[in-house]
Amino acid sequence: FMANVMLKQFPATTNRLALVEADVEISRQFISKYFTLNPELTTHCLDWGEARSLLEAVFPALKGSFHPNEQSDPGVVISQDNKTQIAFSSGELVSTDPTLFKAYKNTLDRDMQELFVTEGLYTKEEIGKQLRSYQDGSIRYIRDAKNNRDFAVKQGKIFAKMTIEGREVWAEHIPNKKKVDAGIELAKYHQRHIGQTVYLCDSKTLEPVYKVSESDRKVYEIASGLHIVKGPSQTSLFSRFESEPSIIFLAEKNEQIKKVHFPRHNLHFSLQVQGGKEQWVCEEQKGWSLAKEQFAPHLGPETGFLVLERTLPSGKYEQKVLIPVWDPQAVKDRALNFPYSFDFKEENTRTGHFVECTLEANRLVPSSLEARFHVGRIYLEKGFQKDAEDILFDSRAELTNKSMTHKERQALERIVHASFSGNMSGRALSTRLHALYLLE
């Protein structure tokens, strides 16, 4: 029987392979010859070793690890999760999962490609390389083998297979992400609908990150169970570092904020108890947490920043400052004490980044070349001329053995081409000319 399956000497139907009497006789002859030529083998080899090859040949969509189900019915093979059974009995090969017989070998037609591109799920190039499909009645099943994703399209609607609370379900993909208005930062998430719940899925991994229940309309982070709340105030520490609509505040049922996410900067802070004290711990930078005193020389309250601190095992105390990279807001009345409040561009920019400086002896020491140029620009615009010169005329501002990165060039170009403060003093112009020299 297995020999016939492997040789594909009989046709396959939807979820059953049927044998006629002649096929069975051919199988007996084939197996008999096999063991005659290999006298050291026993029929026990057919229990599983050959069955594995058979399964892989017959079932092109085979997933997971399968093993013999010897405690129950002889000739029955089951998957490790016990969701799929394949039976070798009564001259038939039967599966409880008919999709195992389907081969994902067809590319998507033009209309189907357009549907996936319009929804922002894949680019045309990715579709051509990664997506394959088969048609089953009115449903087209689609698989992305590279990322282990499954989709189905029925009557122009996209459904995605998701694992929710340990079980696999098909969720309807919501066109243009319009089911739930969850704020500016969650607008980029794909939305999928199951029953009374909408799931917000990461635009890159397509994995569910948040969910919205139609009962209370709150947005919950799936991993933590916390829900999104409004930020503390427009003048809070966090709101100076980033535009409030672009910050995600997560709270417990009592509305106490426990997590703060800066999606555009890929920064996450969580409120934890360490050494008997509550601290805002940075999840991306191990050992660092928000300092109680938020002070950085010459930046002031208008220019947003975050001061982080840590204590090394040796007992040494360290601080560093995170400064977001944005242009300043334009002001009508230019003055010597230019505030340099950030223009966060939250309406049309979905990514940002920051630079770091160590805080040593009440001085900002740039940790990178881009940080040097960015801090130098801030000092120049705010009127701290000597400090700007100290940073930009330093020998470490000149590269001699490698080319500048795109971000480093951008930081210098901003010094050369724009003066939001309107500072046109001789020394300021000299500093800008030096930035042009560094650029060239």
Protein backbone atom coordinates (compact mmCIF):
# COMPACT_ATOMS: atom_id res chain seq x y z
CA PHE A 1 0.00 0.00 0.00
CA MET A 2 2.73 2.49 0.97
CA ALA A 3 4.76 1.57 -2.07
CA ASN A 4 1.82 2.45 -4.29
CA VAL A 5 1.35 5.77 -2.58
CA MET A 6 5.02 6.60 -2.99
CA LEU A 7 4.92 5.62 -6.65
CA LYS A 8 1.67 7.60 -7.03
CA GLN A 9 0.04 4.75 -8.96
CA PHE A 10 -3.49 5.72 -8.01
CA PRO A 11 -5.41 9.04 -8.00
CA ALA A 12 -6.04 11.29 -5.00
CA THR A 13 -9.48 12.67 -4.17
CA THR A 14 -10.30 15.57 -1.82
CA ASN A 15 -9.25 13.89 1.42
CA ARG A 16 -9.07 10.20 0.59
CA LEU A 17 -6.75 8.00 -1.44
CA ALA A 18 -8.61 4.95 -2.70
CA LEU A 19 -7.08 1.64 -3.78
CA VAL A 20 -8.44 -0.87 -6.25
CA GLU A 21 -7.66 -4.60 -6.00
CA ALA A 22 -5.02 -4.46 -8.72
CA ASP A 23 -3.16 -1.74 -6.81
CA VAL A 24 -3.09 -3.84 -3.68
CA GLU A 25 -1.64 -6.80 -5.58
CA ILE A 26 1.08 -4.60 -7.09
CA SER A 27 1.87 -3.34 -3.60
CA ARG A 28 2.30 -6.89 -2.29
CA GLN A 29 4.64 -7.75 -5.12
CA PHE A 30 6.68 -4.57 -4.67
CA ILE A 31 7.05 -4.98 -0.90
CA SER A 32 7.86 -8.68 -1.25
CA LYS A 33 10.65 -7.87 -3.71
CA TYR A 34 11.91 -5.09 -1.42
CA PHE A 35 12.36 -7.47 1.52
CA THR A 36 13.83 -10.21 -0.69
CA LEU A 37 16.56 -7.78 -1.77
CA ASN A 38 17.07 -6.55 1.80
CA PRO A 39 16.94 -9.68 4.01
CA GLU A 40 18.38 -7.84 7.02
CA LEU A 41 15.23 -5.70 7.27
CA THR A 42 12.02 -6.66 9.01
CA THR A 43 8.46 -5.53 8.48
CA HIS A 44 8.86 -3.29 11.52
CA CYS A 45 10.61 -0.80 9.21
CA LEU A 46 7.26 -0.09 7.62
CA ASP A 47 5.74 0.97 10.96
CA TRP A 48 7.20 4.45 10.76
CA GLY A 49 10.44 4.95 8.88
CA GLU A 50 8.91 4.41 5.44
CA ALA A 51 5.66 6.07 6.50
CA ARG A 52 7.51 9.33 7.07
CA SER A 53 8.71 9.40 3.47
CA LEU A 54 5.23 8.48 2.34
CA LEU A 55 3.64 11.34 4.25
CA GLU A 56 6.08 13.91 2.95
CA ALA A 57 5.52 12.74 -0.63
CA VAL A 58 1.74 12.58 -0.48
CA PHE A 59 1.00 15.55 1.73
CA PRO A 60 2.77 18.62 0.24
CA ALA A 61 1.34 20.90 2.94
CA LEU A 62 2.53 18.71 5.80
CA LYS A 63 3.31 20.77 8.93
CA GLY A 64 4.67 19.78 12.32
CA SER A 65 6.14 16.57 13.60
CA PHE A 66 4.16 13.30 13.25
CA HIS A 67 4.61 10.01 15.11
CA PRO A 68 2.89 6.59 15.33
CA ASN A 69 -0.16 6.37 17.55
CA GLU A 70 0.63 2.85 18.80
CA GLN A 71 -1.45 3.09 21.98
CA SER A 72 -4.65 3.57 20.00
CA ASP A 73 -5.22 2.25 16.49
CA PRO A 74 -2.44 0.50 14.57
CA GLY A 75 -1.57 2.30 11.38
CA VAL A 76 -2.73 5.72 12.66
CA VAL A 77 -0.26 8.59 12.68
CA ILE A 78 -0.89 11.76 14.67
CA SER A 79 0.75 15.16 14.97
CA GLN A 80 2.41 16.26 18.18
CA ASP A 81 -0.41 18.71 18.92
CA ASN A 82 -2.96 15.91 18.25
CA LYS A 83 -4.85 18.15 15.82
CA THR A 84 -4.19 16.12 12.68
CA GLN A 85 -4.60 12.37 12.25
CA ILE A 86 -3.63 10.32 9.23
CA ALA A 87 -4.86 6.70 9.10
CA PHE A 88 -3.36 3.81 7.11
CA SER A 89 -6.22 1.34 7.44
CA SER A 90 -8.52 -0.75 5.23
CA GLY A 91 -6.47 0.07 2.18
CA GLU A 92 -7.18 3.82 2.57
CA LEU A 93 -5.14 6.88 3.46
CA VAL A 94 -7.40 9.32 5.32
CA SER A 95 -6.67 12.67 6.98
CA THR A 96 -8.81 14.76 9.30
CA ASP A 97 -7.22 17.84 7.73
CA PRO A 98 -8.09 17.95 4.00
CA THR A 99 -5.74 20.91 3.40
CA LEU A 100 -2.78 18.55 3.81
CA PHE A 101 -3.45 17.32 0.29
CA LYS A 102 -3.30 20.81 -1.19
CA ALA A 103 -0.13 22.09 -2.80
CA TYR A 104 0.70 25.80 -2.50
CA LYS A 105 2.28 26.18 -5.93
CA ASN A 106 0.35 28.89 -7.80
CA THR A 107 1.37 32.55 -7.86
CA LEU A 108 -1.24 35.22 -7.18
CA ASP A 109 -3.06 36.78 -10.12
CA ARG A 110 -3.00 40.53 -10.74
CA ASP A 111 -6.23 41.31 -8.82
CA MET A 112 -5.10 39.29 -5.82
CA GLN A 113 -1.69 40.97 -5.84
CA GLU A 114 -3.34 44.39 -5.95
CA LEU A 115 -5.52 43.48 -2.97
CA PHE A 116 -2.53 42.56 -0.78
CA VAL A 117 -0.51 45.61 -1.91
CA THR A 118 -3.42 48.03 -1.30
CA GLU A 119 -3.83 46.73 2.24
CA GLY A 120 -0.11 47.24 2.94
CA LEU A 121 0.45 43.56 3.74
CA TYR A 122 3.14 42.95 1.12
CA THR A 123 4.98 44.70 -1.68
CA LYS A 124 4.69 43.34 -5.22
CA GLU A 125 8.24 42.05 -5.01
CA GLU A 126 7.50 40.20 -1.76
CA ILE A 127 4.33 38.71 -3.22
CA GLY A 128 6.24 37.29 -6.18
CA LYS A 129 8.93 35.76 -3.99
CA GLN A 130 7.01 34.63 -0.90
CA LEU A 131 3.32 33.98 -1.59
CA ARG A 132 1.94 30.81 -3.18
CA SER A 133 -1.67 29.64 -3.31
CA TYR A 134 -4.25 27.05 -4.34
CA GLN A 135 -7.98 27.35 -5.08
CA ASP A 136 -10.58 25.32 -3.17
CA GLY A 137 -14.05 26.11 -4.48
CA SER A 138 -14.72 29.81 -3.86
CA ILE A 139 -11.78 30.19 -1.45
CA ARG A 140 -8.17 30.85 -2.37
CA TYR A 141 -5.71 29.72 0.29
CA ILE A 142 -2.40 31.60 0.38
CA ARG A 143 0.79 30.77 2.27
CA ASP A 144 3.90 32.77 3.05
CA ALA A 145 6.30 29.90 3.76
CA LYS A 146 9.18 32.25 4.59
CA ASN A 147 7.34 33.84 7.53
CA ASN A 148 4.95 30.93 8.27
CA ARG A 149 1.79 32.94 7.58
CA ASP A 150 -1.53 31.73 6.16
CA PHE A 151 -4.24 33.74 4.45
CA ALA A 152 -7.52 32.99 2.70
CA VAL A 153 -9.46 35.20 0.29
CA LYS A 154 -13.22 34.78 -0.14
CA GLN A 155 -15.49 37.17 -2.01
CA GLY A 156 -12.80 39.85 -2.02
CA LYS A 157 -12.23 39.67 1.74
CA ILE A 158 -8.89 38.71 3.30
CA PHE A 159 -8.80 36.34 6.26
CA ALA A 160 -5.63 35.65 8.25
CA LYS A 161 -4.86 32.65 10.44
CA MET A 162 -3.91 33.79 13.94
CA THR A 163 -3.07 32.13 17.23
CA ILE A 164 -5.30 33.62 19.91
CA GLU A 165 -5.10 32.31 23.49
CA GLY A 166 -3.42 29.13 22.32
CA ARG A 167 -5.79 28.24 19.48
CA GLU A 168 -5.66 28.90 15.74
CA VAL A 169 -8.51 30.97 14.31
CA TRP A 170 -9.30 32.72 11.04
CA ALA A 171 -9.68 36.48 11.52
CA GLU A 172 -11.20 38.86 8.99
CA HIS A 173 -8.75 41.51 7.84
CA ILE A 174 -10.37 44.97 8.07
CA PRO A 175 -9.72 47.05 4.92
CA ASN A 176 -7.80 50.30 5.39
CA LYS A 177 -7.57 49.79 9.20
CA LYS A 178 -10.87 51.66 9.79
CA LYS A 179 -12.72 49.59 12.38
CA VAL A 180 -11.17 51.22 15.46
CA ASP A 181 -9.69 54.70 15.92
CA ALA A 182 -6.93 53.95 18.43
CA GLY A 183 -4.78 57.07 18.00
CA ILE A 184 -2.11 58.27 15.65
CA GLU A 185 0.55 55.68 16.57
CA LEU A 186 -1.77 52.69 16.33
CA ALA A 187 -3.15 53.85 12.98
CA LYS A 188 -0.29 52.01 11.26
CA TYR A 189 -1.37 48.68 12.78
CA HIS A 190 -3.41 46.23 10.70
CA GLN A 191 -6.81 45.50 12.19
CA ARG A 192 -8.47 42.07 12.27
CA HIS A 193 -11.90 41.17 13.53
CA ILE A 194 -12.99 38.06 15.46
CA GLY A 195 -16.44 38.09 17.03
CA GLN A 196 -16.71 41.10 19.35
CA THR A 197 -12.97 41.81 19.41
CA VAL A 198 -10.70 43.77 17.06
CA TYR A 199 -7.00 42.85 17.08
CA LEU A 200 -4.32 45.39 16.15
CA CYS A 201 -1.43 43.62 14.44
CA ASP A 202 2.12 44.86 13.94
CA SER A 203 2.57 46.11 10.36
CA LYS A 204 5.85 44.17 9.94
CA THR A 205 5.37 40.90 11.81
CA LEU A 206 1.54 40.90 11.38
CA GLU A 207 1.33 39.49 14.92
CA PRO A 208 -1.47 40.77 17.24
CA VAL A 209 -0.15 43.31 19.76
CA TYR A 210 -3.30 45.09 21.01
CA LYS A 211 -6.97 44.20 21.17
CA VAL A 212 -10.15 46.25 21.48
CA SER A 213 -13.27 44.77 23.03
CA GLU A 214 -16.55 46.16 21.76
CA SER A 215 -17.92 45.89 25.30
CA ASP A 216 -15.77 48.62 26.88
CA ARG A 217 -13.95 50.05 23.78
CA LYS A 218 -10.64 50.10 25.67
CA VAL A 219 -7.40 49.22 23.88
CA TYR A 220 -5.50 46.47 25.73
CA GLU A 221 -1.91 45.40 25.21
CA ILE A 222 -2.16 41.63 24.80
CA ALA A 223 1.18 40.77 26.44
CA SER A 224 0.62 42.75 29.66
CA GLY A 225 -3.17 43.09 29.91
CA LEU A 226 -2.73 46.85 30.52
CA HIS A 227 -4.95 49.33 28.67
CA ILE A 228 -4.14 52.61 26.94
CA VAL A 229 -4.96 55.83 28.80
CA LYS A 230 -4.46 59.53 28.24
CA GLY A 231 -1.07 60.93 29.26
CA PRO A 232 -0.51 62.89 32.48
CA SER A 233 -0.21 66.41 30.99
CA GLN A 234 1.07 68.41 28.06
CA THR A 235 3.98 69.69 30.20
CA SER A 236 5.09 66.33 31.59
CA LEU A 237 8.62 65.01 31.27
CA PHE A 238 7.57 62.48 28.64
CA SER A 239 5.61 65.00 26.57
CA ARG A 240 8.69 67.21 26.19
CA PHE A 241 10.69 64.27 24.82
CA GLU A 242 7.98 63.28 22.34
CA SER A 243 4.65 64.59 21.06
CA GLU A 244 1.91 63.28 23.36
CA PRO A 245 -0.22 61.78 20.53
CA SER A 246 2.84 59.69 19.64
CA ILE A 247 3.27 58.28 23.17
CA ILE A 248 1.42 55.20 24.38
CA PHE A 249 0.59 55.22 28.10
CA LEU A 250 -0.52 51.87 29.56
CA ALA A 251 -2.32 51.58 32.87
CA GLU A 252 -3.83 49.02 35.23
CA LYS A 253 -7.55 48.83 36.02
CA ASN A 254 -7.13 51.56 38.66
CA GLU A 255 -5.76 53.84 35.89
CA GLN A 256 -2.25 53.95 37.39
CA ILE A 257 0.24 54.23 34.53
CA LYS A 258 2.67 51.30 34.49
CA LYS A 259 4.26 51.52 31.04
CA VAL A 260 5.22 54.24 28.60
CA HIS A 261 6.03 53.46 24.95
CA PHE A 262 7.71 55.75 22.43
CA PRO A 263 6.96 53.81 19.22
CA ARG A 264 8.77 56.22 16.88
CA HIS A 265 11.97 55.83 18.93
CA ASN A 266 11.51 52.14 19.85
CA LEU A 267 11.79 53.01 23.55
CA HIS A 268 9.80 51.38 26.35
CA PHE A 269 9.78 52.29 30.04
CA SER A 270 8.05 50.25 32.74
CA LEU A 271 7.41 51.22 36.36
CA GLN A 272 9.19 48.66 38.55
CA VAL A 273 10.10 48.36 42.21
CA GLN A 274 13.88 48.08 42.64
CA GLY A 275 15.57 48.28 46.01
CA GLY A 276 12.25 49.14 47.61
CA LYS A 277 11.76 52.16 45.32
CA GLU A 278 9.65 52.67 42.20
CA GLN A 279 11.72 53.40 39.09
CA TRP A 280 10.97 53.87 35.40
CA VAL A 281 13.18 51.18 33.90
CA CYS A 282 14.26 51.35 30.26
CA GLU A 283 13.53 47.97 28.66
CA GLU A 284 15.90 48.45 25.70
CA GLN A 285 18.91 49.56 27.74
CA LYS A 286 19.63 47.06 30.48
CA GLY A 287 20.43 48.54 33.89
CA TRP A 288 19.32 52.08 32.98
CA SER A 289 16.32 53.86 34.47
CA LEU A 290 14.99 57.43 34.53
CA ALA A 291 16.92 59.68 36.89
CA LYS A 292 14.95 61.48 39.58
CA GLU A 293 16.61 64.77 38.69
CA GLN A 294 16.12 65.62 35.04
CA PHE A 295 18.82 68.20 34.36
CA ALA A 296 21.00 68.71 31.28
CA PRO A 297 23.20 71.83 30.95
CA HIS A 298 21.90 74.50 28.54
CA LEU A 299 18.92 72.47 27.34
CA GLY A 300 16.31 73.84 29.73
CA PRO A 301 12.63 72.82 30.02
CA GLU A 302 11.72 73.74 26.42
CA THR A 303 14.19 71.37 24.77
CA GLY A 304 13.04 67.83 25.49
CA PHE A 305 15.41 65.18 26.80
CA LEU A 306 15.51 62.23 29.19
CA VAL A 307 18.25 61.68 31.76
CA LEU A 308 18.97 58.02 32.54
CA GLU A 309 21.03 56.68 35.43
CA ARG A 310 22.58 53.44 36.61
CA THR A 311 24.86 52.16 39.35
CA LEU A 312 27.49 49.64 38.27
CA PRO A 313 28.41 46.59 40.41
CA SER A 314 31.58 48.47 41.35
CA GLY A 315 29.42 51.19 42.90
CA LYS A 316 30.19 53.75 40.20
CA TYR A 317 27.24 56.04 39.39
CA GLU A 318 26.64 57.01 35.75
CA GLN A 319 24.23 59.28 33.90
CA LYS A 320 23.46 59.81 30.24
CA VAL A 321 21.06 62.02 28.30
CA LEU A 322 18.81 60.98 25.42
CA ILE A 323 18.02 63.86 23.03
CA PRO A 324 15.52 63.40 20.17
CA VAL A 325 16.60 64.57 16.72
CA TRP A 326 14.06 67.08 15.34
CA ASP A 327 14.12 70.57 13.91
CA PRO A 328 13.01 73.34 16.29
CA GLN A 329 9.64 75.01 16.03
CA ALA A 330 9.72 78.32 14.17
CA VAL A 331 8.98 81.40 16.29
CA LYS A 332 7.54 84.72 15.16
CA ASP A 333 9.65 86.97 17.34
CA ARG A 334 13.27 85.90 17.23
CA ALA A 335 15.23 86.48 20.40
CA LEU A 336 18.67 85.77 21.80
CA ASN A 337 17.29 83.13 24.16
CA PHE A 338 15.85 80.88 21.48
CA PRO A 339 13.81 78.10 23.19
CA TYR A 340 14.52 75.30 20.67
CA SER A 341 11.22 73.53 21.29
CA PHE A 342 10.99 70.49 19.02
CA ASP A 343 8.76 70.33 15.97
CA PHE A 344 7.75 66.69 16.37
CA LYS A 345 6.04 66.39 12.95
CA GLU A 346 3.71 63.80 14.47
CA GLU A 347 1.10 64.17 11.73
CA ASN A 348 3.29 63.01 8.84
CA THR A 349 6.39 61.27 10.28
CA ARG A 350 6.15 57.78 11.74
CA THR A 351 9.77 57.18 12.66
CA GLY A 352 12.30 59.19 14.66
CA HIS A 353 15.52 58.64 16.54
CA PHE A 354 17.60 60.10 19.35
CA VAL A 355 21.25 60.65 20.18
CA GLU A 356 23.06 60.04 23.46
CA CYS A 357 25.47 62.06 25.57
CA THR A 358 27.10 61.10 28.83
CA LEU A 359 26.77 63.58 31.68
CA GLU A 360 30.19 64.25 33.17
CA ALA A 361 31.07 67.06 35.59
CA ASN A 362 27.94 68.97 34.61
CA ARG A 363 28.88 68.76 30.91
CA LEU A 364 27.27 66.95 27.97
CA VAL A 365 29.84 64.68 26.30
CA PRO A 366 28.51 63.41 22.93
CA SER A 367 28.67 59.63 22.53
CA SER A 368 28.67 59.72 18.72
CA LEU A 369 29.55 62.05 15.86
CA GLU A 370 25.89 62.69 15.09
CA ALA A 371 25.29 63.54 18.75
CA ARG A 372 28.19 66.02 18.58
CA PHE A 373 26.71 67.80 15.56
CA HIS A 374 23.14 67.77 16.95
CA VAL A 375 24.10 69.15 20.37
CA GLY A 376 26.39 71.71 18.70
CA ARG A 377 23.47 72.90 16.61
CA ILE A 378 21.18 73.21 19.66
CA TYR A 379 23.82 75.24 21.55
CA LEU A 380 24.36 77.47 18.51
CA GLU A 381 20.63 78.16 18.07
CA LYS A 382 20.12 78.79 21.79
CA GLY A 383 22.97 81.31 21.88
CA PHE A 384 25.55 79.30 23.82
CA GLN A 385 28.27 80.24 21.34
CA LYS A 386 31.37 79.12 23.28
CA ASP A 387 29.84 75.73 24.07
CA ALA A 388 28.91 75.27 20.42
CA GLU A 389 32.47 76.09 19.38
CA ASP A 390 33.95 73.74 21.97
CA ILE A 391 31.94 70.86 20.52
CA LEU A 392 32.15 71.63 16.79
CA PHE A 393 35.81 72.80 16.65
CA ASP A 394 36.96 69.78 18.65
CA SER A 395 39.31 67.48 16.73
CA ARG A 396 36.85 64.62 17.28
CA ALA A 397 34.43 66.42 14.92
CA GLU A 398 36.73 65.69 11.97
CA LEU A 399 36.71 62.31 10.27
CA THR A 400 39.99 61.28 8.70
CA ASN A 401 39.70 57.54 8.12
CA LYS A 402 36.07 56.94 7.07
CA SER A 403 33.10 58.59 5.40
CA MET A 404 30.21 60.17 7.25
CA THR A 405 26.92 58.34 7.60
CA HIS A 406 23.73 59.77 6.14
CA LYS A 407 22.53 60.91 9.57
CA GLU A 408 25.85 62.60 10.36
CA ARG A 409 25.77 64.52 7.07
CA GLN A 410 22.18 65.54 7.70
CA ALA A 411 23.09 66.91 11.13
CA LEU A 412 25.85 69.05 9.62
CA GLU A 413 23.69 70.22 6.73
CA ARG A 414 21.10 71.49 9.20
CA ILE A 415 23.76 73.67 10.83
CA VAL A 416 24.91 75.05 7.48
CA HIS A 417 21.59 75.67 5.74
CA ALA A 418 19.15 76.85 8.43
CA SER A 419 19.09 79.24 11.38
CA PHE A 420 15.74 79.12 13.12
CA SER A 421 16.93 81.53 15.80
CA GLY A 422 18.11 84.13 13.26
CA ASN A 423 21.49 84.37 15.01
CA MET A 424 23.72 86.05 12.40
CA SER A 425 26.57 87.22 14.63
CA GLY A 426 30.13 86.98 13.30
CA ARG A 427 31.01 84.08 15.56
CA ALA A 428 27.81 82.22 14.65
CA LEU A 429 28.56 82.63 10.91
CA SER A 430 32.13 81.46 11.52
CA THR A 431 30.78 78.33 13.23
CA ARG A 432 28.44 77.62 10.32
CA LEU A 433 31.33 78.02 7.88
CA HIS A 434 33.32 75.53 9.93
CA ALA A 435 30.38 73.09 9.67
CA LEU A 436 30.49 73.60 5.88
CA TYR A 437 34.23 72.81 5.97
CA LEU A 438 33.53 69.60 7.91
CA LEU A 439 30.82 68.72 5.41
CA GLU A 440 33.12 69.10 2.42
